[in-house]
Amino acid sequence: MKTLDAIRTRRSVKSYDPNHTITENEIKELLSLALLSPTAFNIQNWRFVVVADKELRAQIREVAWGQAQVTDASLLIILCADLKAWEKEPGRYWAGAPEEIRQFIVPAIDSYYRDKDQVQRDEAMRSCGIAAQTLMLAATAKGYETCPMDGFDFEQVGRLINLPDDHIIAMFVAIGKGIKEPWPRPGQLDLDEVVIKDRFR
């Protein structure tokens, strides 16, 4: 599927075939594509929790308003972010760069994030959002349906997956074979309403 077609046809699907499985090779391919998503300073702060355990999925569904896609989708990925990725051996993010670039960028990472909790969190959410869209478009291109989700108790899910203290959860992405057509698009705003030229009036 062409990229533009994937963008146009991707929809948030809620009903999945619970008997369908995605192969390990397909999962690896989807995640490898997600790893190509951009992050500021290349810190790659996203972490992908692939929930395969059926009992754990059932527990997560209980704290996700009982939404069926949590258990029925072939693949449930919890997108998390390491808020402190910027300070964990930052030189490795630029290991293949010329030395003069490394000497400039690596100290800049520290000065950009240190003592700036809100910046760290904002960057984490941006990174996970971009990665989620990459995942969903890749899955759509492979013939799967997807659903981005934030309808769950973040704190309880964090406990269920043993989320480290310096990580946050951004969202879920469910991927699988849909068994119902999505609702018609309920209404797109006009470009004139959402595109601002130069500045707000």
N, C-alpha and C. Protein backbone atom coordinates (compact mmCIF):
# COMPACT_ATOMS: atom_id res chain seq x y z
N MET A 1 0.84 -1.19 0.00
CA MET A 1 0.00 0.00 0.00
C MET A 1 0.88 1.25 0.00
N LYS A 2 0.50 2.22 -0.80
CA LYS A 2 1.25 3.47 -0.84
C LYS A 2 1.00 4.27 0.44
N THR A 3 1.97 5.08 0.81
CA THR A 3 1.88 5.85 2.04
C THR A 3 0.62 6.71 2.09
N LEU A 4 0.33 7.41 1.00
CA LEU A 4 -0.84 8.29 0.99
C LEU A 4 -2.13 7.50 1.16
N ASP A 5 -2.17 6.30 0.59
CA ASP A 5 -3.35 5.45 0.76
C ASP A 5 -3.48 4.99 2.20
N ALA A 6 -2.36 4.67 2.84
CA ALA A 6 -2.39 4.24 4.24
C ALA A 6 -2.91 5.36 5.13
N ILE A 7 -2.50 6.60 4.84
CA ILE A 7 -2.97 7.74 5.62
C ILE A 7 -4.48 7.92 5.44
N ARG A 8 -4.94 7.79 4.20
CA ARG A 8 -6.36 8.01 3.92
C ARG A 8 -7.25 6.89 4.47
N THR A 9 -6.75 5.67 4.50
CA THR A 9 -7.60 4.54 4.88
C THR A 9 -7.48 4.14 6.34
N ARG A 10 -6.46 4.59 7.05
CA ARG A 10 -6.32 4.21 8.45
C ARG A 10 -7.49 4.76 9.26
N ARG A 11 -8.10 3.87 10.05
CA ARG A 11 -9.20 4.26 10.90
C ARG A 11 -9.00 3.62 12.26
N SER A 12 -9.65 4.15 13.27
CA SER A 12 -9.60 3.56 14.61
C SER A 12 -10.67 2.48 14.70
N VAL A 13 -10.22 1.22 14.69
CA VAL A 13 -11.12 0.08 14.70
C VAL A 13 -11.19 -0.50 16.11
N LYS A 14 -12.40 -0.80 16.56
CA LYS A 14 -12.61 -1.25 17.93
C LYS A 14 -12.84 -2.76 18.05
N SER A 15 -13.26 -3.42 16.96
CA SER A 15 -13.64 -4.84 17.03
C SER A 15 -12.65 -5.68 16.23
N TYR A 16 -12.05 -6.68 16.89
CA TYR A 16 -10.99 -7.50 16.28
C TYR A 16 -11.29 -8.98 16.38
N ASP A 17 -10.73 -9.73 15.46
CA ASP A 17 -10.80 -11.19 15.51
C ASP A 17 -9.86 -11.69 16.59
N PRO A 18 -10.40 -12.22 17.71
CA PRO A 18 -9.53 -12.64 18.81
C PRO A 18 -8.71 -13.89 18.50
N ASN A 19 -9.04 -14.58 17.41
CA ASN A 19 -8.33 -15.81 17.05
C ASN A 19 -7.19 -15.57 16.06
N HIS A 20 -7.10 -14.35 15.57
CA HIS A 20 -6.03 -14.05 14.61
C HIS A 20 -4.72 -13.77 15.34
N THR A 21 -3.64 -14.28 14.79
CA THR A 21 -2.32 -14.00 15.38
C THR A 21 -1.44 -13.31 14.35
N ILE A 22 -0.57 -12.48 14.85
CA ILE A 22 0.46 -11.82 14.03
C ILE A 22 1.76 -12.56 14.29
N THR A 23 2.48 -12.90 13.25
CA THR A 23 3.71 -13.67 13.43
C THR A 23 4.79 -12.83 14.13
N GLU A 24 5.73 -13.53 14.73
CA GLU A 24 6.85 -12.85 15.38
C GLU A 24 7.63 -12.01 14.39
N ASN A 25 7.76 -12.49 13.17
CA ASN A 25 8.49 -11.72 12.15
C ASN A 25 7.75 -10.43 11.80
N GLU A 26 6.41 -10.50 11.74
CA GLU A 26 5.64 -9.30 11.46
C GLU A 26 5.75 -8.29 12.60
N ILE A 27 5.70 -8.81 13.82
CA ILE A 27 5.83 -7.93 14.99
C ILE A 27 7.19 -7.25 14.97
N LYS A 28 8.22 -8.03 14.69
CA LYS A 28 9.58 -7.47 14.64
C LYS A 28 9.69 -6.41 13.55
N GLU A 29 9.05 -6.67 12.40
CA GLU A 29 9.10 -5.70 11.31
C GLU A 29 8.39 -4.41 11.70
N LEU A 30 7.20 -4.52 12.30
CA LEU A 30 6.46 -3.33 12.71
C LEU A 30 7.26 -2.50 13.71
N LEU A 31 7.85 -3.17 14.69
CA LEU A 31 8.62 -2.46 15.71
C LEU A 31 9.89 -1.86 15.12
N SER A 32 10.51 -2.57 14.19
CA SER A 32 11.71 -2.04 13.54
C SER A 32 11.39 -0.78 12.75
N LEU A 33 10.21 -0.75 12.13
CA LEU A 33 9.79 0.46 11.42
C LEU A 33 9.52 1.59 12.40
N ALA A 34 8.91 1.26 13.54
CA ALA A 34 8.64 2.28 14.56
C ALA A 34 9.94 2.90 15.06
N LEU A 35 11.00 2.10 15.10
CA LEU A 35 12.29 2.60 15.58
C LEU A 35 12.91 3.63 14.63
N LEU A 36 12.37 3.73 13.43
CA LEU A 36 12.85 4.74 12.49
C LEU A 36 12.19 6.10 12.72
N SER A 37 11.27 6.16 13.66
CA SER A 37 10.60 7.43 13.96
C SER A 37 11.61 8.42 14.54
N PRO A 38 11.42 9.69 14.24
CA PRO A 38 12.36 10.69 14.76
C PRO A 38 12.16 10.99 16.23
N THR A 39 13.25 11.32 16.91
CA THR A 39 13.20 11.84 18.28
C THR A 39 14.19 12.99 18.38
N ALA A 40 13.90 13.95 19.24
CA ALA A 40 14.81 15.08 19.43
C ALA A 40 16.16 14.57 19.91
N PHE A 41 17.21 15.09 19.34
CA PHE A 41 18.58 14.71 19.67
C PHE A 41 18.83 13.22 19.48
N ASN A 42 17.94 12.54 18.78
CA ASN A 42 18.07 11.10 18.53
C ASN A 42 18.15 10.28 19.83
N ILE A 43 17.48 10.76 20.89
CA ILE A 43 17.60 10.04 22.17
C ILE A 43 16.74 8.79 22.24
N GLN A 44 15.85 8.59 21.25
CA GLN A 44 15.10 7.33 21.16
C GLN A 44 14.49 6.94 22.51
N ASN A 45 13.74 7.87 23.08
CA ASN A 45 13.25 7.69 24.45
C ASN A 45 12.01 6.82 24.55
N TRP A 46 11.45 6.37 23.39
CA TRP A 46 10.29 5.50 23.48
C TRP A 46 10.70 4.10 23.92
N ARG A 47 9.73 3.43 24.59
CA ARG A 47 9.87 2.03 24.99
C ARG A 47 8.55 1.35 24.65
N PHE A 48 8.63 0.20 24.00
CA PHE A 48 7.44 -0.48 23.50
C PHE A 48 7.19 -1.74 24.33
N VAL A 49 6.17 -1.72 25.14
CA VAL A 49 5.81 -2.89 25.93
C VAL A 49 4.82 -3.71 25.12
N VAL A 50 5.26 -4.86 24.64
CA VAL A 50 4.42 -5.75 23.84
C VAL A 50 3.76 -6.73 24.81
N VAL A 51 2.45 -6.59 25.00
CA VAL A 51 1.75 -7.39 26.01
C VAL A 51 1.22 -8.65 25.34
N ALA A 52 1.90 -9.78 25.60
CA ALA A 52 1.52 -11.05 25.00
C ALA A 52 0.75 -11.94 25.98
N ASP A 53 0.99 -11.76 27.28
CA ASP A 53 0.37 -12.60 28.30
C ASP A 53 -1.14 -12.34 28.36
N LYS A 54 -1.93 -13.39 28.13
CA LYS A 54 -3.39 -13.23 28.04
C LYS A 54 -3.99 -12.81 29.38
N GLU A 55 -3.45 -13.33 30.46
CA GLU A 55 -3.97 -12.95 31.77
C GLU A 55 -3.69 -11.48 32.06
N LEU A 56 -2.50 -11.03 31.70
CA LEU A 56 -2.16 -9.62 31.88
C LEU A 56 -3.05 -8.74 31.01
N ARG A 57 -3.31 -9.18 29.79
CA ARG A 57 -4.20 -8.43 28.91
C ARG A 57 -5.59 -8.29 29.54
N ALA A 58 -6.07 -9.37 30.14
CA ALA A 58 -7.39 -9.34 30.79
C ALA A 58 -7.39 -8.35 31.95
N GLN A 59 -6.30 -8.32 32.70
CA GLN A 59 -6.19 -7.38 33.82
C GLN A 59 -6.15 -5.94 33.32
N ILE A 60 -5.45 -5.72 32.23
CA ILE A 60 -5.39 -4.38 31.65
C ILE A 60 -6.77 -3.97 31.13
N ARG A 61 -7.47 -4.90 30.53
CA ARG A 61 -8.82 -4.59 30.04
C ARG A 61 -9.73 -4.12 31.18
N GLU A 62 -9.58 -4.72 32.36
CA GLU A 62 -10.41 -4.34 33.50
C GLU A 62 -10.21 -2.88 33.89
N VAL A 63 -9.01 -2.35 33.68
CA VAL A 63 -8.74 -0.95 34.04
C VAL A 63 -8.74 -0.05 32.80
N ALA A 64 -9.28 -0.59 31.70
CA ALA A 64 -9.41 0.17 30.46
C ALA A 64 -10.87 0.21 30.03
N TRP A 65 -11.74 0.37 31.02
CA TRP A 65 -13.18 0.52 30.77
C TRP A 65 -13.76 -0.69 30.04
N GLY A 66 -13.11 -1.85 30.16
CA GLY A 66 -13.62 -3.06 29.53
C GLY A 66 -13.54 -3.08 28.02
N GLN A 67 -12.71 -2.23 27.44
CA GLN A 67 -12.65 -2.13 25.98
C GLN A 67 -12.09 -3.42 25.36
N ALA A 68 -12.86 -3.99 24.45
CA ALA A 68 -12.58 -5.32 23.91
C ALA A 68 -11.26 -5.39 23.14
N GLN A 69 -10.86 -4.29 22.50
CA GLN A 69 -9.65 -4.36 21.68
C GLN A 69 -8.40 -4.66 22.51
N VAL A 70 -8.46 -4.41 23.81
CA VAL A 70 -7.30 -4.69 24.67
C VAL A 70 -6.98 -6.18 24.66
N THR A 71 -8.01 -7.02 24.70
CA THR A 71 -7.79 -8.46 24.71
C THR A 71 -7.93 -9.10 23.34
N ASP A 72 -8.74 -8.50 22.46
CA ASP A 72 -9.07 -9.17 21.20
C ASP A 72 -8.12 -8.86 20.05
N ALA A 73 -7.46 -7.72 20.09
CA ALA A 73 -6.52 -7.39 19.02
C ALA A 73 -5.35 -8.38 19.05
N SER A 74 -4.79 -8.64 17.90
CA SER A 74 -3.67 -9.57 17.82
C SER A 74 -2.44 -9.06 18.56
N LEU A 75 -2.31 -7.75 18.63
CA LEU A 75 -1.12 -7.15 19.22
C LEU A 75 -1.52 -5.94 20.04
N LEU A 76 -1.06 -5.90 21.28
CA LEU A 76 -1.28 -4.72 22.13
C LEU A 76 0.09 -4.19 22.53
N ILE A 77 0.34 -2.95 22.15
CA ILE A 77 1.61 -2.31 22.47
C ILE A 77 1.33 -1.12 23.37
N ILE A 78 2.00 -1.08 24.51
CA ILE A 78 1.92 0.08 25.40
C ILE A 78 3.14 0.94 25.13
N LEU A 79 2.89 2.13 24.60
CA LEU A 79 4.00 3.04 24.33
C LEU A 79 4.34 3.82 25.59
N CYS A 80 5.55 3.62 26.04
CA CYS A 80 6.06 4.31 27.22
C CYS A 80 7.27 5.13 26.81
N ALA A 81 7.73 5.96 27.72
CA ALA A 81 8.94 6.73 27.43
C ALA A 81 9.81 6.80 28.68
N ASP A 82 11.09 6.70 28.45
CA ASP A 82 12.09 6.86 29.50
C ASP A 82 12.39 8.36 29.61
N LEU A 83 11.90 8.96 30.68
CA LEU A 83 12.08 10.41 30.86
C LEU A 83 13.54 10.80 31.03
N LYS A 84 14.36 9.86 31.42
CA LYS A 84 15.77 10.15 31.68
C LYS A 84 16.70 9.57 30.62
N ALA A 85 16.12 9.21 29.47
CA ALA A 85 16.96 8.67 28.39
C ALA A 85 18.07 9.65 28.01
N TRP A 86 17.77 10.94 28.13
CA TRP A 86 18.74 11.97 27.73
C TRP A 86 20.04 11.90 28.53
N GLU A 87 20.00 11.35 29.76
CA GLU A 87 21.21 11.33 30.58
C GLU A 87 21.82 9.94 30.73
N LYS A 88 21.25 8.96 30.06
CA LYS A 88 21.74 7.58 30.16
C LYS A 88 22.67 7.28 28.99
N GLU A 89 23.96 7.54 29.22
CA GLU A 89 24.99 7.35 28.20
C GLU A 89 24.61 8.03 26.88
N PRO A 90 24.41 9.34 26.89
CA PRO A 90 23.93 10.01 25.68
C PRO A 90 24.88 9.91 24.49
N GLY A 91 26.14 9.62 24.74
CA GLY A 91 27.08 9.48 23.63
C GLY A 91 26.71 8.37 22.67
N ARG A 92 25.99 7.35 23.17
CA ARG A 92 25.64 6.22 22.30
C ARG A 92 24.65 6.61 21.21
N TYR A 93 23.88 7.68 21.43
CA TYR A 93 22.92 8.10 20.42
C TYR A 93 23.61 8.72 19.21
N TRP A 94 24.87 9.08 19.38
CA TRP A 94 25.63 9.71 18.31
C TRP A 94 26.95 8.98 18.05
N ALA A 95 26.94 7.67 18.34
CA ALA A 95 28.17 6.87 18.23
C ALA A 95 28.74 6.86 16.82
N GLY A 96 27.89 6.93 15.80
CA GLY A 96 28.38 6.86 14.43
C GLY A 96 28.63 8.20 13.78
N ALA A 97 28.45 9.27 14.53
CA ALA A 97 28.62 10.61 13.95
C ALA A 97 30.09 11.03 13.97
N PRO A 98 30.48 11.95 13.09
CA PRO A 98 31.84 12.49 13.15
C PRO A 98 32.11 13.11 14.53
N GLU A 99 33.35 13.06 14.95
CA GLU A 99 33.71 13.48 16.31
C GLU A 99 33.33 14.93 16.60
N GLU A 100 33.48 15.82 15.61
CA GLU A 100 33.16 17.23 15.87
C GLU A 100 31.65 17.41 16.12
N ILE A 101 30.83 16.58 15.48
CA ILE A 101 29.38 16.64 15.73
C ILE A 101 29.06 16.08 17.11
N ARG A 102 29.69 14.97 17.46
CA ARG A 102 29.49 14.38 18.79
C ARG A 102 29.85 15.39 19.88
N GLN A 103 30.97 16.08 19.71
CA GLN A 103 31.42 17.02 20.74
C GLN A 103 30.46 18.19 20.89
N PHE A 104 29.71 18.51 19.84
CA PHE A 104 28.74 19.60 19.90
C PHE A 104 27.40 19.12 20.46
N ILE A 105 26.90 17.98 19.93
CA ILE A 105 25.55 17.53 20.24
C ILE A 105 25.42 16.96 21.65
N VAL A 106 26.35 16.11 22.05
CA VAL A 106 26.19 15.41 23.34
C VAL A 106 26.09 16.38 24.52
N PRO A 107 26.93 17.40 24.63
CA PRO A 107 26.73 18.37 25.72
C PRO A 107 25.43 19.16 25.57
N ALA A 108 24.99 19.38 24.32
CA ALA A 108 23.75 20.13 24.10
C ALA A 108 22.55 19.35 24.64
N ILE A 109 22.60 18.03 24.57
CA ILE A 109 21.51 17.20 25.12
C ILE A 109 21.35 17.50 26.60
N ASP A 110 22.46 17.51 27.31
CA ASP A 110 22.41 17.75 28.76
C ASP A 110 21.85 19.13 29.08
N SER A 111 22.32 20.13 28.38
CA SER A 111 21.85 21.49 28.70
C SER A 111 20.39 21.70 28.31
N TYR A 112 19.92 20.95 27.34
CA TYR A 112 18.52 21.09 26.91
C TYR A 112 17.55 20.49 27.91
N TYR A 113 17.91 19.37 28.53
CA TYR A 113 16.97 18.63 29.39
C TYR A 113 17.20 18.75 30.89
N ARG A 114 18.42 18.99 31.32
CA ARG A 114 18.70 18.94 32.76
C ARG A 114 17.86 19.95 33.54
N ASP A 115 17.25 19.46 34.63
CA ASP A 115 16.42 20.28 35.54
C ASP A 115 15.18 20.85 34.85
N LYS A 116 14.75 20.23 33.75
CA LYS A 116 13.57 20.71 33.02
C LYS A 116 12.57 19.57 32.89
N ASP A 117 11.88 19.27 33.98
CA ASP A 117 10.97 18.13 34.00
C ASP A 117 9.88 18.23 32.95
N GLN A 118 9.33 19.43 32.76
CA GLN A 118 8.25 19.58 31.79
C GLN A 118 8.76 19.35 30.37
N VAL A 119 9.94 19.81 30.07
CA VAL A 119 10.52 19.59 28.74
C VAL A 119 10.73 18.10 28.51
N GLN A 120 11.22 17.41 29.53
CA GLN A 120 11.44 15.96 29.42
C GLN A 120 10.12 15.24 29.13
N ARG A 121 9.06 15.63 29.83
CA ARG A 121 7.76 14.98 29.65
C ARG A 121 7.16 15.34 28.29
N ASP A 122 7.23 16.60 27.92
CA ASP A 122 6.69 17.01 26.63
C ASP A 122 7.39 16.27 25.49
N GLU A 123 8.70 16.16 25.59
CA GLU A 123 9.46 15.47 24.55
C GLU A 123 9.07 14.00 24.47
N ALA A 124 8.85 13.39 25.64
CA ALA A 124 8.45 11.98 25.68
C ALA A 124 7.13 11.78 24.96
N MET A 125 6.16 12.65 25.24
CA MET A 125 4.85 12.52 24.60
C MET A 125 4.93 12.76 23.09
N ARG A 126 5.71 13.73 22.68
CA ARG A 126 5.89 13.97 21.24
C ARG A 126 6.49 12.73 20.57
N SER A 127 7.53 12.20 21.17
CA SER A 127 8.22 11.04 20.59
C SER A 127 7.29 9.85 20.47
N CYS A 128 6.54 9.57 21.52
CA CYS A 128 5.62 8.43 21.49
C CYS A 128 4.50 8.64 20.48
N GLY A 129 4.01 9.86 20.36
CA GLY A 129 2.96 10.14 19.39
C GLY A 129 3.43 9.89 17.96
N ILE A 130 4.64 10.33 17.67
CA ILE A 130 5.20 10.10 16.33
C ILE A 130 5.39 8.61 16.08
N ALA A 131 5.92 7.90 17.08
CA ALA A 131 6.15 6.46 16.93
C ALA A 131 4.83 5.71 16.76
N ALA A 132 3.80 6.13 17.49
CA ALA A 132 2.49 5.49 17.37
C ALA A 132 1.94 5.64 15.96
N GLN A 133 2.08 6.82 15.40
CA GLN A 133 1.59 7.03 14.02
C GLN A 133 2.37 6.19 13.03
N THR A 134 3.68 6.08 13.23
CA THR A 134 4.49 5.22 12.36
C THR A 134 4.00 3.79 12.44
N LEU A 135 3.78 3.30 13.66
CA LEU A 135 3.27 1.94 13.87
C LEU A 135 1.94 1.72 13.15
N MET A 136 1.03 2.68 13.32
CA MET A 136 -0.30 2.52 12.75
C MET A 136 -0.28 2.55 11.23
N LEU A 137 0.52 3.43 10.64
CA LEU A 137 0.60 3.48 9.19
C LEU A 137 1.28 2.24 8.63
N ALA A 138 2.31 1.75 9.33
CA ALA A 138 2.98 0.52 8.89
C ALA A 138 2.01 -0.66 8.95
N ALA A 139 1.24 -0.74 10.04
CA ALA A 139 0.28 -1.83 10.18
C ALA A 139 -0.81 -1.74 9.11
N THR A 140 -1.29 -0.52 8.84
CA THR A 140 -2.30 -0.32 7.80
C THR A 140 -1.76 -0.76 6.45
N ALA A 141 -0.53 -0.42 6.16
CA ALA A 141 0.09 -0.80 4.89
C ALA A 141 0.20 -2.31 4.75
N LYS A 142 0.28 -3.02 5.89
CA LYS A 142 0.37 -4.48 5.87
C LYS A 142 -0.99 -5.15 5.93
N GLY A 143 -2.06 -4.36 5.88
CA GLY A 143 -3.39 -4.93 5.84
C GLY A 143 -4.06 -5.11 7.18
N TYR A 144 -3.51 -4.51 8.22
CA TYR A 144 -4.09 -4.62 9.56
C TYR A 144 -4.86 -3.36 9.93
N GLU A 145 -5.74 -3.50 10.92
CA GLU A 145 -6.42 -2.35 11.48
C GLU A 145 -5.75 -1.98 12.80
N THR A 146 -5.97 -0.74 13.22
CA THR A 146 -5.32 -0.27 14.44
C THR A 146 -6.27 0.61 15.26
N CYS A 147 -5.88 0.80 16.51
CA CYS A 147 -6.64 1.72 17.36
C CYS A 147 -5.70 2.34 18.39
N PRO A 148 -5.48 3.66 18.33
CA PRO A 148 -4.72 4.33 19.39
C PRO A 148 -5.64 4.51 20.59
N MET A 149 -5.09 4.36 21.79
CA MET A 149 -5.93 4.39 22.98
C MET A 149 -5.29 5.16 24.12
N ASP A 150 -6.12 5.98 24.79
CA ASP A 150 -5.70 6.53 26.08
C ASP A 150 -6.81 6.38 27.11
N GLY A 151 -7.82 5.55 26.78
CA GLY A 151 -8.93 5.31 27.69
C GLY A 151 -8.62 4.20 28.67
N PHE A 152 -7.80 4.50 29.66
CA PHE A 152 -7.44 3.51 30.68
C PHE A 152 -6.88 4.24 31.88
N ASP A 153 -6.78 3.54 32.98
CA ASP A 153 -6.21 4.10 34.21
C ASP A 153 -4.69 3.97 34.12
N PHE A 154 -4.04 5.08 33.86
CA PHE A 154 -2.59 5.08 33.65
C PHE A 154 -1.83 4.53 34.85
N GLU A 155 -2.28 4.92 36.04
CA GLU A 155 -1.58 4.49 37.25
C GLU A 155 -1.67 2.98 37.44
N GLN A 156 -2.87 2.44 37.25
CA GLN A 156 -3.04 1.00 37.44
C GLN A 156 -2.32 0.20 36.36
N VAL A 157 -2.35 0.67 35.12
CA VAL A 157 -1.61 -0.02 34.07
C VAL A 157 -0.12 0.02 34.38
N GLY A 158 0.36 1.16 34.87
CA GLY A 158 1.76 1.26 35.26
C GLY A 158 2.15 0.21 36.28
N ARG A 159 1.26 -0.01 37.25
CA ARG A 159 1.54 -1.03 38.26
C ARG A 159 1.55 -2.43 37.64
N LEU A 160 0.61 -2.68 36.74
CA LEU A 160 0.52 -4.00 36.12
C LEU A 160 1.74 -4.35 35.29
N ILE A 161 2.37 -3.35 34.68
CA ILE A 161 3.53 -3.63 33.83
C ILE A 161 4.86 -3.30 34.52
N ASN A 162 4.79 -3.01 35.83
CA ASN A 162 6.01 -2.67 36.59
C ASN A 162 6.75 -1.49 35.97
N LEU A 163 6.01 -0.45 35.65
CA LEU A 163 6.61 0.73 35.02
C LEU A 163 7.67 1.35 35.93
N PRO A 164 8.89 1.53 35.45
CA PRO A 164 9.92 2.16 36.29
C PRO A 164 9.53 3.60 36.67
N ASP A 165 10.07 4.07 37.77
CA ASP A 165 9.72 5.40 38.28
C ASP A 165 10.08 6.52 37.31
N ASP A 166 11.11 6.32 36.50
CA ASP A 166 11.53 7.38 35.58
C ASP A 166 10.94 7.21 34.17
N HIS A 167 9.87 6.43 34.07
CA HIS A 167 9.17 6.23 32.80
C HIS A 167 7.73 6.73 32.93
N ILE A 168 7.12 7.03 31.80
CA ILE A 168 5.69 7.35 31.77
C ILE A 168 5.03 6.56 30.63
N ILE A 169 3.73 6.38 30.77
CA ILE A 169 2.95 5.75 29.70
C ILE A 169 2.34 6.87 28.86
N ALA A 170 2.46 6.74 27.55
CA ALA A 170 1.85 7.73 26.66
C ALA A 170 0.50 7.25 26.13
N MET A 171 0.45 5.99 25.67
CA MET A 171 -0.77 5.49 25.03
C MET A 171 -0.62 4.02 24.72
N PHE A 172 -1.72 3.40 24.28
CA PHE A 172 -1.70 2.05 23.72
C PHE A 172 -1.87 2.17 22.21
N VAL A 173 -1.40 1.14 21.50
CA VAL A 173 -1.80 0.93 20.12
C VAL A 173 -2.20 -0.54 19.99
N ALA A 174 -3.46 -0.77 19.60
CA ALA A 174 -3.96 -2.12 19.32
C ALA A 174 -3.88 -2.35 17.82
N ILE A 175 -3.45 -3.56 17.44
CA ILE A 175 -3.27 -3.90 16.03
C ILE A 175 -3.83 -5.30 15.79
N GLY A 176 -4.59 -5.47 14.71
CA GLY A 176 -5.11 -6.79 14.42
C GLY A 176 -6.00 -6.80 13.19
N LYS A 177 -6.77 -7.88 13.07
CA LYS A 177 -7.71 -8.03 11.96
C LYS A 177 -9.09 -7.59 12.42
N GLY A 178 -9.56 -6.50 11.87
CA GLY A 178 -10.88 -5.99 12.24
C GLY A 178 -11.99 -6.90 11.77
N ILE A 179 -13.08 -6.97 12.52
CA ILE A 179 -14.22 -7.79 12.14
C ILE A 179 -15.47 -6.95 11.91
N LYS A 180 -15.37 -5.66 12.12
CA LYS A 180 -16.47 -4.74 11.83
C LYS A 180 -15.92 -3.52 11.13
N GLU A 181 -16.71 -3.01 10.22
CA GLU A 181 -16.31 -1.77 9.56
C GLU A 181 -16.32 -0.64 10.59
N PRO A 182 -15.37 0.27 10.52
CA PRO A 182 -15.42 1.42 11.43
C PRO A 182 -16.61 2.31 11.10
N TRP A 183 -17.03 3.08 12.06
CA TRP A 183 -18.08 4.06 11.80
C TRP A 183 -17.64 4.98 10.67
N PRO A 184 -18.61 5.53 9.93
CA PRO A 184 -18.24 6.56 8.95
C PRO A 184 -17.52 7.71 9.67
N ARG A 185 -16.65 8.36 8.96
CA ARG A 185 -15.97 9.49 9.58
C ARG A 185 -17.02 10.47 10.07
N PRO A 186 -16.98 10.83 11.36
CA PRO A 186 -18.08 11.61 11.93
C PRO A 186 -18.09 13.07 11.52
N GLY A 187 -17.00 13.57 11.01
CA GLY A 187 -16.96 14.97 10.59
C GLY A 187 -15.57 15.55 10.71
N GLN A 188 -15.03 15.96 9.60
CA GLN A 188 -13.71 16.59 9.59
C GLN A 188 -13.90 18.10 9.53
N LEU A 189 -13.15 18.80 10.33
CA LEU A 189 -13.17 20.26 10.27
C LEU A 189 -12.58 20.72 8.94
N ASP A 190 -13.04 21.86 8.48
CA ASP A 190 -12.51 22.42 7.24
C ASP A 190 -11.09 22.93 7.46
N LEU A 191 -10.31 22.87 6.39
CA LEU A 191 -8.95 23.40 6.45
C LEU A 191 -8.93 24.84 6.95
N ASP A 192 -9.91 25.63 6.50
CA ASP A 192 -9.95 27.05 6.87
C ASP A 192 -10.04 27.24 8.38
N GLU A 193 -10.60 26.25 9.09
CA GLU A 193 -10.74 26.39 10.54
C GLU A 193 -9.48 26.00 11.29
N VAL A 194 -8.70 25.11 10.73
CA VAL A 194 -7.56 24.57 11.48
C VAL A 194 -6.20 25.04 10.95
N VAL A 195 -6.18 25.66 9.79
CA VAL A 195 -4.92 26.16 9.24
C VAL A 195 -4.88 27.68 9.41
N ILE A 196 -3.87 28.14 10.11
CA ILE A 196 -3.69 29.58 10.38
C ILE A 196 -2.51 30.08 9.57
N LYS A 197 -2.71 31.13 8.85
CA LYS A 197 -1.62 31.70 8.06
C LYS A 197 -0.86 32.74 8.89
N ASP A 198 0.38 32.46 9.10
CA ASP A 198 1.33 33.34 9.78
C ASP A 198 1.10 33.50 11.28
N ARG A 199 -0.07 33.94 11.71
CA ARG A 199 -0.29 34.16 13.13
C ARG A 199 -1.78 34.17 13.44
N PHE A 200 -2.13 33.88 14.70
CA PHE A 200 -3.52 33.98 15.12
C PHE A 200 -3.94 35.45 15.14
N ARG A 201 -5.22 35.69 14.84
CA ARG A 201 -5.71 37.07 14.87
C ARG A 201 -6.36 37.36 16.20
